Amino acid sequence: MAFTTWITSHYDEQGPIKWLAFALEMIAALTLFFLMMLTCADVFGRYFLDNSIDGTTELTEIGLAILIFAEMPVITWRGGHVVVDILDRALGNTLVKILGLLSALLMSSSLYYIAGQINFLAERSLTRGEVTEFLQLPTGLIVEYIAFMSWITAATMITYGVYRLLFLSRD
């Protein structure tokens, strides 16, 4: 089976979104594999060699940030967030569509604003030369990554809201 055939059969998204989802999920999968190997090596070293890996906690924190924020745009585009639809039948399809669009707009604008604030903190961190405690890694780079992925998530949220309103929910 060709690689593009495999991608097409496993991803429902269309066009460049399919490849973006694959790339982000690959980043998340490789990060999770790295975290698994790091944890195994650290536990092995701690119990059998009486020496743990320095900076494991920092690497785990950074890995979790990479993992979570790589998956946020994919989950958002697929509509994988928790949705409470208790009143959908009572409100009617048109009102539910309008409320869905408003919620997508509210969430995306909130994420956009938060990403701007996070980016401000990243720039300040890079300007001050802040680094992690043990490994001396610049903290501003991971914070910039979080801001960038939050902007991507905001874009996918509003795009998904409009797409769902116009193409998925027909009366």
N, C-alpha and C. Protein backbone atom coordinates (compact mmCIF):
# COMPACT_ATOMS: atom_id res chain seq x y z
N MET A 1 0.84 -1.17 0.00
CA MET A 1 0.00 0.00 0.00
C MET A 1 0.89 1.24 0.00
N ALA A 2 0.60 2.15 -0.90
CA ALA A 2 1.37 3.38 -1.00
C ALA A 2 1.07 4.28 0.19
N PHE A 3 2.05 5.14 0.49
CA PHE A 3 1.92 6.03 1.64
C PHE A 3 0.72 6.96 1.50
N THR A 4 0.54 7.55 0.32
CA THR A 4 -0.59 8.47 0.11
C THR A 4 -1.92 7.73 0.20
N THR A 5 -1.96 6.47 -0.22
CA THR A 5 -3.17 5.67 -0.09
C THR A 5 -3.48 5.41 1.37
N TRP A 6 -2.44 5.14 2.15
CA TRP A 6 -2.63 4.91 3.58
C TRP A 6 -3.16 6.17 4.25
N ILE A 7 -2.58 7.32 3.91
CA ILE A 7 -3.03 8.59 4.48
C ILE A 7 -4.49 8.83 4.11
N THR A 8 -4.85 8.60 2.86
CA THR A 8 -6.22 8.83 2.41
C THR A 8 -7.21 7.91 3.12
N SER A 9 -6.80 6.68 3.37
CA SER A 9 -7.72 5.74 4.01
C SER A 9 -7.85 5.96 5.52
N HIS A 10 -6.88 6.61 6.14
CA HIS A 10 -6.92 6.80 7.59
C HIS A 10 -7.30 8.21 8.03
N TYR A 11 -7.36 9.16 7.12
CA TYR A 11 -7.68 10.54 7.47
C TYR A 11 -8.89 10.99 6.66
N ASP A 12 -9.91 11.48 7.36
CA ASP A 12 -11.13 11.95 6.69
C ASP A 12 -11.00 13.37 6.15
N GLU A 13 -10.04 14.14 6.66
CA GLU A 13 -9.87 15.52 6.23
C GLU A 13 -9.52 15.58 4.74
N GLN A 14 -9.73 16.74 4.16
CA GLN A 14 -9.47 16.92 2.73
C GLN A 14 -8.33 17.91 2.52
N GLY A 15 -7.61 17.75 1.43
CA GLY A 15 -6.60 18.71 1.02
C GLY A 15 -5.44 18.84 1.99
N PRO A 16 -4.95 20.08 2.16
CA PRO A 16 -3.78 20.29 3.02
C PRO A 16 -4.05 20.03 4.50
N ILE A 17 -5.31 20.07 4.92
CA ILE A 17 -5.65 19.79 6.32
C ILE A 17 -5.28 18.35 6.66
N LYS A 18 -5.45 17.46 5.70
CA LYS A 18 -5.09 16.05 5.92
C LYS A 18 -3.60 15.91 6.22
N TRP A 19 -2.78 16.61 5.46
CA TRP A 19 -1.33 16.52 5.66
C TRP A 19 -0.89 17.25 6.92
N LEU A 20 -1.56 18.36 7.24
CA LEU A 20 -1.27 19.06 8.49
C LEU A 20 -1.62 18.18 9.69
N ALA A 21 -2.77 17.52 9.63
CA ALA A 21 -3.17 16.62 10.72
C ALA A 21 -2.17 15.48 10.86
N PHE A 22 -1.74 14.92 9.74
CA PHE A 22 -0.76 13.83 9.80
C PHE A 22 0.55 14.32 10.40
N ALA A 23 1.03 15.48 9.98
CA ALA A 23 2.31 16.01 10.49
C ALA A 23 2.22 16.29 11.99
N LEU A 24 1.13 16.90 12.42
CA LEU A 24 0.98 17.20 13.84
C LEU A 24 0.84 15.92 14.68
N GLU A 25 0.11 14.94 14.15
CA GLU A 25 -0.01 13.68 14.88
C GLU A 25 1.31 12.92 14.88
N MET A 26 2.12 13.08 13.86
CA MET A 26 3.44 12.46 13.85
C MET A 26 4.34 13.11 14.89
N ILE A 27 4.27 14.42 15.01
CA ILE A 27 5.04 15.12 16.06
C ILE A 27 4.61 14.63 17.43
N ALA A 28 3.30 14.52 17.63
CA ALA A 28 2.78 14.06 18.92
C ALA A 28 3.20 12.61 19.19
N ALA A 29 3.14 11.76 18.18
CA ALA A 29 3.51 10.36 18.37
C ALA A 29 5.00 10.21 18.67
N LEU A 30 5.84 10.93 17.96
CA LEU A 30 7.28 10.85 18.22
C LEU A 30 7.62 11.42 19.59
N THR A 31 6.92 12.47 19.99
CA THR A 31 7.15 13.03 21.33
C THR A 31 6.72 12.04 22.40
N LEU A 32 5.59 11.39 22.20
CA LEU A 32 5.13 10.40 23.17
C LEU A 32 6.10 9.22 23.24
N PHE A 33 6.63 8.80 22.10
CA PHE A 33 7.61 7.72 22.09
C PHE A 33 8.88 8.15 22.83
N PHE A 34 9.32 9.39 22.60
CA PHE A 34 10.48 9.91 23.31
C PHE A 34 10.24 9.94 24.81
N LEU A 35 9.07 10.39 25.23
CA LEU A 35 8.74 10.43 26.65
C LEU A 35 8.73 9.03 27.26
N MET A 36 8.21 8.06 26.51
CA MET A 36 8.19 6.68 26.99
C MET A 36 9.61 6.15 27.15
N MET A 37 10.46 6.38 26.17
CA MET A 37 11.84 5.91 26.24
C MET A 37 12.61 6.63 27.35
N LEU A 38 12.38 7.91 27.51
CA LEU A 38 13.02 8.68 28.56
C LEU A 38 12.62 8.16 29.94
N THR A 39 11.35 7.89 30.12
CA THR A 39 10.88 7.37 31.41
C THR A 39 11.44 6.00 31.69
N CYS A 40 11.47 5.13 30.68
CA CYS A 40 12.04 3.79 30.86
C CYS A 40 13.52 3.86 31.21
N ALA A 41 14.26 4.70 30.50
CA ALA A 41 15.69 4.83 30.77
C ALA A 41 15.94 5.42 32.15
N ASP A 42 15.11 6.40 32.54
CA ASP A 42 15.27 7.02 33.84
C ASP A 42 14.98 6.02 34.97
N VAL A 43 13.91 5.26 34.82
CA VAL A 43 13.57 4.26 35.85
C VAL A 43 14.63 3.16 35.90
N PHE A 44 15.07 2.70 34.74
CA PHE A 44 16.12 1.68 34.70
C PHE A 44 17.39 2.20 35.38
N GLY A 45 17.78 3.41 35.04
CA GLY A 45 18.97 3.99 35.65
C GLY A 45 18.83 4.20 37.13
N ARG A 46 17.66 4.60 37.56
CA ARG A 46 17.44 4.87 38.97
C ARG A 46 17.48 3.58 39.80
N TYR A 47 16.86 2.52 39.31
CA TYR A 47 16.75 1.30 40.11
C TYR A 47 17.88 0.30 39.91
N PHE A 48 18.49 0.29 38.73
CA PHE A 48 19.52 -0.71 38.47
C PHE A 48 20.94 -0.13 38.46
N LEU A 49 21.08 1.14 38.15
CA LEU A 49 22.41 1.75 38.08
C LEU A 49 22.62 2.80 39.17
N ASP A 50 21.62 3.01 40.00
CA ASP A 50 21.66 4.01 41.08
C ASP A 50 22.00 5.41 40.57
N ASN A 51 21.52 5.74 39.37
CA ASN A 51 21.79 7.05 38.79
C ASN A 51 20.68 7.37 37.79
N SER A 52 19.89 8.40 38.08
CA SER A 52 18.83 8.78 37.15
C SER A 52 19.37 9.76 36.11
N ILE A 53 18.57 10.02 35.11
CA ILE A 53 18.95 10.96 34.05
C ILE A 53 18.69 12.38 34.54
N ASP A 54 19.70 13.23 34.45
CA ASP A 54 19.55 14.62 34.87
C ASP A 54 18.60 15.34 33.91
N GLY A 55 17.70 16.13 34.47
CA GLY A 55 16.80 16.93 33.66
C GLY A 55 15.58 16.18 33.13
N THR A 56 15.31 15.00 33.66
CA THR A 56 14.17 14.23 33.17
C THR A 56 12.86 14.97 33.39
N THR A 57 12.73 15.62 34.52
CA THR A 57 11.50 16.36 34.80
C THR A 57 11.31 17.50 33.80
N GLU A 58 12.38 18.22 33.50
CA GLU A 58 12.28 19.31 32.52
C GLU A 58 11.94 18.79 31.14
N LEU A 59 12.60 17.72 30.73
CA LEU A 59 12.32 17.14 29.41
C LEU A 59 10.90 16.61 29.33
N THR A 60 10.39 16.05 30.42
CA THR A 60 9.01 15.56 30.44
C THR A 60 8.03 16.73 30.34
N GLU A 61 8.29 17.81 31.06
CA GLU A 61 7.41 18.98 30.97
C GLU A 61 7.40 19.56 29.56
N ILE A 62 8.56 19.67 28.96
CA ILE A 62 8.65 20.20 27.60
C ILE A 62 7.97 19.25 26.61
N GLY A 63 8.20 17.95 26.79
CA GLY A 63 7.57 16.96 25.93
C GLY A 63 6.06 16.99 26.02
N LEU A 64 5.53 17.16 27.23
CA LEU A 64 4.08 17.25 27.39
C LEU A 64 3.52 18.49 26.71
N ALA A 65 4.24 19.61 26.80
CA ALA A 65 3.79 20.83 26.12
C ALA A 65 3.77 20.61 24.60
N ILE A 66 4.81 19.98 24.07
CA ILE A 66 4.86 19.70 22.64
C ILE A 66 3.71 18.78 22.24
N LEU A 67 3.50 17.74 23.00
CA LEU A 67 2.46 16.75 22.71
C LEU A 67 1.07 17.38 22.74
N ILE A 68 0.75 18.08 23.80
CA ILE A 68 -0.59 18.65 23.96
C ILE A 68 -0.88 19.69 22.89
N PHE A 69 0.06 20.60 22.67
CA PHE A 69 -0.21 21.67 21.73
C PHE A 69 -0.06 21.24 20.27
N ALA A 70 0.55 20.09 20.00
CA ALA A 70 0.54 19.55 18.64
C ALA A 70 -0.82 18.93 18.32
N GLU A 71 -1.49 18.39 19.32
CA GLU A 71 -2.78 17.74 19.10
C GLU A 71 -3.96 18.71 19.15
N MET A 72 -3.79 19.85 19.79
CA MET A 72 -4.93 20.78 19.93
C MET A 72 -5.56 21.19 18.60
N PRO A 73 -4.81 21.57 17.58
CA PRO A 73 -5.47 21.93 16.31
C PRO A 73 -6.19 20.76 15.66
N VAL A 74 -5.63 19.56 15.77
CA VAL A 74 -6.24 18.38 15.15
C VAL A 74 -7.55 18.05 15.85
N ILE A 75 -7.53 18.03 17.15
CA ILE A 75 -8.75 17.73 17.92
C ILE A 75 -9.80 18.80 17.67
N THR A 76 -9.37 20.04 17.58
CA THR A 76 -10.31 21.14 17.33
C THR A 76 -10.95 21.00 15.96
N TRP A 77 -10.15 20.73 14.93
CA TRP A 77 -10.70 20.59 13.58
C TRP A 77 -11.68 19.44 13.50
N ARG A 78 -11.40 18.36 14.19
CA ARG A 78 -12.29 17.19 14.15
C ARG A 78 -13.49 17.33 15.06
N GLY A 79 -13.58 18.41 15.81
CA GLY A 79 -14.71 18.61 16.71
C GLY A 79 -14.69 17.64 17.87
N GLY A 80 -13.49 17.30 18.35
CA GLY A 80 -13.34 16.30 19.39
C GLY A 80 -13.48 16.83 20.80
N HIS A 81 -13.83 18.08 20.96
CA HIS A 81 -13.99 18.64 22.30
C HIS A 81 -15.34 18.20 22.88
N VAL A 82 -15.46 18.29 24.17
CA VAL A 82 -16.70 17.94 24.85
C VAL A 82 -17.77 18.96 24.48
N VAL A 83 -18.92 18.46 24.06
CA VAL A 83 -20.04 19.32 23.67
C VAL A 83 -21.27 18.86 24.44
N VAL A 84 -21.93 19.82 25.06
CA VAL A 84 -23.18 19.51 25.77
C VAL A 84 -24.33 19.93 24.86
N ASP A 85 -25.13 18.96 24.47
CA ASP A 85 -26.21 19.23 23.52
C ASP A 85 -27.59 18.91 24.12
N ILE A 86 -27.76 19.26 25.36
CA ILE A 86 -29.01 18.96 26.07
C ILE A 86 -30.20 19.69 25.43
N LEU A 87 -30.01 20.93 25.04
CA LEU A 87 -31.12 21.75 24.54
C LEU A 87 -31.24 21.77 23.02
N ASP A 88 -30.44 21.00 22.31
CA ASP A 88 -30.45 21.08 20.84
C ASP A 88 -31.82 20.77 20.24
N ARG A 89 -32.49 19.77 20.74
CA ARG A 89 -33.82 19.42 20.18
C ARG A 89 -34.85 20.50 20.48
N ALA A 90 -34.74 21.13 21.64
CA ALA A 90 -35.72 22.15 22.03
C ALA A 90 -35.49 23.47 21.29
N LEU A 91 -34.26 23.77 20.95
CA LEU A 91 -33.95 25.08 20.36
C LEU A 91 -34.19 25.13 18.86
N GLY A 92 -34.10 24.03 18.18
CA GLY A 92 -34.27 24.04 16.74
C GLY A 92 -32.93 24.13 16.02
N ASN A 93 -32.91 23.64 14.79
CA ASN A 93 -31.68 23.51 14.03
C ASN A 93 -31.04 24.86 13.70
N THR A 94 -31.83 25.85 13.33
CA THR A 94 -31.28 27.16 12.95
C THR A 94 -30.62 27.84 14.14
N LEU A 95 -31.28 27.83 15.28
CA LEU A 95 -30.71 28.45 16.47
C LEU A 95 -29.47 27.72 16.94
N VAL A 96 -29.46 26.40 16.81
CA VAL A 96 -28.28 25.62 17.20
C VAL A 96 -27.11 25.95 16.28
N LYS A 97 -27.37 26.15 14.98
CA LYS A 97 -26.31 26.56 14.05
C LYS A 97 -25.74 27.92 14.43
N ILE A 98 -26.62 28.86 14.74
CA ILE A 98 -26.17 30.21 15.11
C ILE A 98 -25.35 30.15 16.39
N LEU A 99 -25.83 29.40 17.39
CA LEU A 99 -25.10 29.27 18.64
C LEU A 99 -23.76 28.56 18.43
N GLY A 100 -23.72 27.58 17.52
CA GLY A 100 -22.47 26.90 17.21
C GLY A 100 -21.46 27.84 16.58
N LEU A 101 -21.93 28.69 15.68
CA LEU A 101 -21.04 29.67 15.05
C LEU A 101 -20.56 30.70 16.07
N LEU A 102 -21.45 31.16 16.93
CA LEU A 102 -21.06 32.11 17.97
C LEU A 102 -20.06 31.50 18.94
N SER A 103 -20.27 30.24 19.30
CA SER A 103 -19.31 29.60 20.22
C SER A 103 -17.96 29.41 19.55
N ALA A 104 -17.95 29.06 18.26
CA ALA A 104 -16.68 28.93 17.54
C ALA A 104 -15.97 30.27 17.47
N LEU A 105 -16.72 31.34 17.23
CA LEU A 105 -16.14 32.68 17.19
C LEU A 105 -15.60 33.08 18.55
N LEU A 106 -16.36 32.82 19.61
CA LEU A 106 -15.93 33.17 20.96
C LEU A 106 -14.67 32.38 21.35
N MET A 107 -14.67 31.07 21.09
CA MET A 107 -13.51 30.26 21.46
C MET A 107 -12.28 30.64 20.65
N SER A 108 -12.45 30.87 19.35
CA SER A 108 -11.28 31.22 18.53
C SER A 108 -10.73 32.59 18.90
N SER A 109 -11.60 33.55 19.17
CA SER A 109 -11.09 34.86 19.56
C SER A 109 -10.42 34.80 20.93
N SER A 110 -10.94 33.98 21.84
CA SER A 110 -10.30 33.81 23.15
C SER A 110 -8.93 33.17 23.00
N LEU A 111 -8.84 32.13 22.17
CA LEU A 111 -7.55 31.48 21.93
C LEU A 111 -6.57 32.44 21.27
N TYR A 112 -7.06 33.25 20.34
CA TYR A 112 -6.19 34.23 19.68
C TYR A 112 -5.63 35.23 20.68
N TYR A 113 -6.49 35.72 21.56
CA TYR A 113 -6.04 36.67 22.58
C TYR A 113 -5.04 36.02 23.54
N ILE A 114 -5.35 34.82 24.00
CA ILE A 114 -4.45 34.11 24.91
C ILE A 114 -3.10 33.84 24.23
N ALA A 115 -3.13 33.48 22.95
CA ALA A 115 -1.88 33.25 22.23
C ALA A 115 -1.04 34.52 22.16
N GLY A 116 -1.69 35.65 22.00
CA GLY A 116 -0.96 36.92 22.00
C GLY A 116 -0.29 37.19 23.34
N GLN A 117 -1.00 36.91 24.40
CA GLN A 117 -0.42 37.08 25.73
C GLN A 117 0.74 36.11 25.97
N ILE A 118 0.56 34.88 25.53
CA ILE A 118 1.63 33.88 25.67
C ILE A 118 2.85 34.29 24.85
N ASN A 119 2.62 34.82 23.65
CA ASN A 119 3.73 35.27 22.82
C ASN A 119 4.47 36.43 23.47
N PHE A 120 3.74 37.33 24.13
CA PHE A 120 4.38 38.42 24.87
C PHE A 120 5.30 37.86 25.95
N LEU A 121 4.82 36.86 26.68
CA LEU A 121 5.64 36.23 27.72
C LEU A 121 6.86 35.53 27.12
N ALA A 122 6.68 34.93 25.94
CA ALA A 122 7.81 34.27 25.28
C ALA A 122 8.88 35.28 24.88
N GLU A 123 8.46 36.40 24.30
CA GLU A 123 9.42 37.43 23.91
C GLU A 123 10.15 37.98 25.12
N ARG A 124 9.42 38.20 26.20
CA ARG A 124 10.04 38.69 27.42
C ARG A 124 11.04 37.68 27.98
N SER A 125 10.67 36.41 27.92
CA SER A 125 11.56 35.35 28.40
C SER A 125 12.83 35.26 27.56
N LEU A 126 12.69 35.38 26.25
CA LEU A 126 13.86 35.34 25.37
C LEU A 126 14.74 36.57 25.56
N THR A 127 14.12 37.72 25.74
CA THR A 127 14.88 38.95 25.97
C THR A 127 15.69 38.88 27.25
N ARG A 128 15.10 38.32 28.27
CA ARG A 128 15.78 38.20 29.56
C ARG A 128 16.75 37.04 29.62
N GLY A 129 16.70 36.16 28.63
CA GLY A 129 17.61 35.02 28.61
C GLY A 129 17.26 33.95 29.64
N GLU A 130 15.99 33.79 29.94
CA GLU A 130 15.57 32.80 30.93
C GLU A 130 15.79 31.39 30.39
N VAL A 131 16.31 30.53 31.25
CA VAL A 131 16.58 29.15 30.89
C VAL A 131 16.02 28.23 31.96
N THR A 132 15.92 26.94 31.61
CA THR A 132 15.45 25.96 32.59
C THR A 132 16.52 25.74 33.65
N GLU A 133 16.11 25.18 34.76
CA GLU A 133 17.00 25.10 35.93
C GLU A 133 18.18 24.17 35.73
N PHE A 134 17.95 22.96 35.23
CA PHE A 134 19.03 21.98 35.15
C PHE A 134 19.71 21.93 33.79
N LEU A 135 18.94 21.91 32.73
CA LEU A 135 19.50 21.73 31.39
C LEU A 135 19.87 23.04 30.70
N GLN A 136 19.48 24.16 31.28
CA GLN A 136 19.79 25.48 30.73
C GLN A 136 19.21 25.68 29.32
N LEU A 137 18.04 25.12 29.07
CA LEU A 137 17.36 25.30 27.79
C LEU A 137 16.56 26.60 27.84
N PRO A 138 16.55 27.38 26.75
CA PRO A 138 15.78 28.63 26.75
C PRO A 138 14.28 28.37 26.85
N THR A 139 13.64 28.89 27.88
CA THR A 139 12.21 28.64 28.08
C THR A 139 11.36 29.39 27.06
N GLY A 140 11.86 30.48 26.53
CA GLY A 140 11.09 31.27 25.58
C GLY A 140 10.75 30.52 24.31
N LEU A 141 11.60 29.58 23.90
CA LEU A 141 11.33 28.84 22.66
C LEU A 141 10.10 27.95 22.81
N ILE A 142 9.99 27.25 23.92
CA ILE A 142 8.82 26.39 24.10
C ILE A 142 7.57 27.23 24.31
N VAL A 143 7.70 28.37 24.94
CA VAL A 143 6.55 29.26 25.13
C VAL A 143 6.11 29.84 23.79
N GLU A 144 7.06 30.16 22.91
CA GLU A 144 6.71 30.61 21.55
C GLU A 144 5.98 29.52 20.79
N TYR A 145 6.42 28.27 20.94
CA TYR A 145 5.75 27.14 20.31
C TYR A 145 4.29 27.05 20.79
N ILE A 146 4.09 27.22 22.09
CA ILE A 146 2.74 27.17 22.66
C ILE A 146 1.89 28.28 22.06
N ALA A 147 2.44 29.48 21.95
CA ALA A 147 1.69 30.61 21.36
C ALA A 147 1.35 30.33 19.90
N PHE A 148 2.32 29.84 19.13
CA PHE A 148 2.08 29.56 17.72
C PHE A 148 1.00 28.50 17.54
N MET A 149 1.07 27.43 18.32
CA MET A 149 0.08 26.37 18.19
C MET A 149 -1.29 26.83 18.69
N SER A 150 -1.32 27.77 19.62
CA SER A 150 -2.60 28.33 20.05
C SER A 150 -3.21 29.17 18.93
N TRP A 151 -2.39 29.90 18.19
CA TRP A 151 -2.89 30.63 17.02
C TRP A 151 -3.42 29.67 15.95
N ILE A 152 -2.70 28.59 15.71
CA ILE A 152 -3.17 27.59 14.75
C ILE A 152 -4.50 27.00 15.21
N THR A 153 -4.61 26.72 16.49
CA THR A 153 -5.86 26.18 17.03
C THR A 153 -7.00 27.18 16.89
N ALA A 154 -6.72 28.46 17.12
CA ALA A 154 -7.75 29.49 16.94
C ALA A 154 -8.22 29.53 15.48
N ALA A 155 -7.28 29.42 14.57
CA ALA A 155 -7.64 29.41 13.14
C ALA A 155 -8.46 28.18 12.79
N THR A 156 -8.06 27.02 13.31
CA THR A 156 -8.84 25.81 13.00
C THR A 156 -10.21 25.86 13.66
N MET A 157 -10.31 26.51 14.82
CA MET A 157 -11.61 26.60 15.50
C MET A 157 -12.60 27.41 14.68
N ILE A 158 -12.19 28.57 14.22
CA ILE A 158 -13.12 29.40 13.44
C ILE A 158 -13.37 28.77 12.07
N THR A 159 -12.35 28.17 11.47
CA THR A 159 -12.53 27.50 10.19
C THR A 159 -13.49 26.33 10.33
N TYR A 160 -13.31 25.55 11.40
CA TYR A 160 -14.19 24.40 11.62
C TYR A 160 -15.62 24.87 11.90
N GLY A 161 -15.78 25.94 12.66
CA GLY A 161 -17.12 26.43 12.95
C GLY A 161 -17.86 26.85 11.69
N VAL A 162 -17.19 27.58 10.82
CA VAL A 162 -17.81 28.01 9.57
C VAL A 162 -18.05 26.80 8.66
N TYR A 163 -17.08 25.92 8.57
CA TYR A 163 -17.22 24.72 7.73
C TYR A 163 -18.40 23.87 8.19
N ARG A 164 -18.51 23.67 9.50
CA ARG A 164 -19.60 22.86 10.04
C ARG A 164 -20.94 23.53 9.78
N LEU A 165 -21.00 24.83 9.94
CA LEU A 165 -22.23 25.55 9.71
C LEU A 165 -22.68 25.48 8.25
N LEU A 166 -21.73 25.67 7.36
CA LEU A 166 -22.10 25.75 5.94
C LEU A 166 -22.23 24.42 5.23
N PHE A 167 -21.41 23.43 5.63
CA PHE A 167 -21.36 22.21 4.82
C PHE A 167 -21.84 20.95 5.52
N LEU A 168 -21.70 20.85 6.83
CA LEU A 168 -22.04 19.59 7.49
C LEU A 168 -23.48 19.57 7.97
N SER A 169 -24.01 20.69 8.40
CA SER A 169 -25.35 20.71 8.99
C SER A 169 -26.34 21.27 8.00
N ARG A 170 -26.98 20.41 7.28
CA ARG A 170 -28.01 20.84 6.32
C ARG A 170 -29.39 20.64 6.94
N ASP A 171 -30.29 21.57 6.66
CA ASP A 171 -31.67 21.43 7.17
C ASP A 171 -32.39 20.33 6.47
